[in-house]
Amino acid sequence: MAAGQNQRNRKNDPMLTKTGKPRLGPLNATQLNKLLEASNKPKEKSKILRAIQKQAVVAA
């Protein structure tokens, strides 16, 4: 449940998972870089960096 809400009150957001974490798959490289700059948590930063590297490998 996102941010302490129950399922009945939870708004469906396609860019968030059920637990409120951001979905990185549909984002492009510029959006991921912007998200990386805004992120404060090291765990989130590492996930974003992995997503950027995954896109670079697929594009090459």
C-alpha atoms as a PDB file:
ATOM      1  CA  MET A   1       0.000   0.000   0.000  1.00  0.00           C
ATOM      2  CA  ALA A   2       1.373   3.362  -0.961  1.00  0.00           C
ATOM      3  CA  ALA A   3       2.328   5.656   1.906  1.00  0.00           C
ATOM      4  CA  GLY A   4       0.171   4.160   4.654  1.00  0.00           C
ATOM      5  CA  GLN A   5      -3.058   4.035   2.666  1.00  0.00           C
ATOM      6  CA  ASN A   6      -5.301   1.049   2.342  1.00  0.00           C
ATOM      7  CA  GLN A   7      -6.251  -0.400  -1.019  1.00  0.00           C
ATOM      8  CA  ARG A   8      -9.642   1.270  -1.098  1.00  0.00           C
ATOM      9  CA  ASN A   9      -8.100   4.753  -0.861  1.00  0.00           C
ATOM     10  CA  ARG A  10      -5.084   4.027  -3.073  1.00  0.00           C
ATOM     11  CA  LYS A  11      -5.089   5.833  -6.402  1.00  0.00           C
ATOM     12  CA  ASN A  12      -3.991   3.822  -9.412  1.00  0.00           C
ATOM     13  CA  ASP A  13      -0.798   5.371 -10.734  1.00  0.00           C
ATOM     14  CA  PRO A  14       0.833   3.493 -13.613  1.00  0.00           C
ATOM     15  CA  MET A  15       4.262   4.869 -12.684  1.00  0.00           C
ATOM     16  CA  LEU A  16       4.143   3.430  -9.129  1.00  0.00           C
ATOM     17  CA  THR A  17       4.009  -0.148  -7.891  1.00  0.00           C
ATOM     18  CA  LYS A  18       1.457  -1.323  -5.332  1.00  0.00           C
ATOM     19  CA  THR A  19       3.877  -0.459  -2.527  1.00  0.00           C
ATOM     20  CA  GLY A  20       4.500   3.068  -3.840  1.00  0.00           C
ATOM     21  CA  LYS A  21       7.912   2.462  -5.402  1.00  0.00           C
ATOM     22  CA  PRO A  22       8.569   4.020  -8.816  1.00  0.00           C
ATOM     23  CA  ARG A  23       8.500   1.889 -11.975  1.00  0.00           C
ATOM     24  CA  LEU A  24      11.726   2.410 -13.920  1.00  0.00           C
ATOM     25  CA  GLY A  25      11.029   0.275 -16.990  1.00  0.00           C
ATOM     26  CA  PRO A  26       8.978   2.673 -19.136  1.00  0.00           C
ATOM     27  CA  LEU A  27      11.227   5.692 -18.466  1.00  0.00           C
ATOM     28  CA  ASN A  28      13.775   6.859 -21.042  1.00  0.00           C
ATOM     29  CA  ALA A  29      17.378   7.837 -20.279  1.00  0.00           C
ATOM     30  CA  THR A  30      16.709  11.555 -19.750  1.00  0.00           C
ATOM     31  CA  GLN A  31      13.848  10.811 -17.348  1.00  0.00           C
ATOM     32  CA  LEU A  32      16.016   8.330 -15.450  1.00  0.00           C
ATOM     33  CA  ASN A  33      18.834  10.872 -15.160  1.00  0.00           C
ATOM     34  CA  LYS A  34      16.385  13.463 -13.826  1.00  0.00           C
ATOM     35  CA  LEU A  35      15.059  10.934 -11.302  1.00  0.00           C
ATOM     36  CA  LEU A  36      18.633  10.079 -10.301  1.00  0.00           C
ATOM     37  CA  GLU A  37      19.394  13.739  -9.530  1.00  0.00           C
ATOM     38  CA  ALA A  38      16.232  14.065  -7.435  1.00  0.00           C
ATOM     39  CA  SER A  39      16.825  10.843  -5.496  1.00  0.00           C
ATOM     40  CA  ASN A  40      18.346  10.919  -2.017  1.00  0.00           C
ATOM     41  CA  LYS A  41      18.423   7.255  -1.045  1.00  0.00           C
ATOM     42  CA  PRO A  42      21.496   5.209  -2.071  1.00  0.00           C
ATOM     43  CA  LYS A  43      19.343   2.125  -2.698  1.00  0.00           C
ATOM     44  CA  GLU A  44      17.111   4.034  -5.125  1.00  0.00           C
ATOM     45  CA  LYS A  45      20.135   5.572  -6.847  1.00  0.00           C
ATOM     46  CA  SER A  46      21.663   2.153  -7.459  1.00  0.00           C
ATOM     47  CA  LYS A  47      18.386   0.862  -8.935  1.00  0.00           C
ATOM     48  CA  ILE A  48      18.188   3.866 -11.257  1.00  0.00           C
ATOM     49  CA  LEU A  49      21.825   3.440 -12.344  1.00  0.00           C
ATOM     50  CA  ARG A  50      21.154  -0.239 -13.128  1.00  0.00           C
ATOM     51  CA  ALA A  51      18.132   0.757 -15.217  1.00  0.00           C
ATOM     52  CA  ILE A  52      20.247   3.300 -17.146  1.00  0.00           C
ATOM     53  CA  GLN A  53      22.942   0.711 -17.785  1.00  0.00           C
ATOM     54  CA  LYS A  54      20.350  -1.841 -18.909  1.00  0.00           C
ATOM     55  CA  GLN A  55      18.995   0.625 -21.473  1.00  0.00           C
ATOM     56  CA  ALA A  56      22.508   1.370 -22.732  1.00  0.00           C
ATOM     57  CA  VAL A  57      23.223  -2.347 -23.248  1.00  0.00           C
ATOM     58  CA  VAL A  58      19.938  -2.933 -25.108  1.00  0.00           C
ATOM     59  CA  ALA A  59      20.544   0.099 -27.349  1.00  0.00           C
ATOM     60  CA  ALA A  60      24.066  -1.021 -28.266  1.00  0.00           C
END
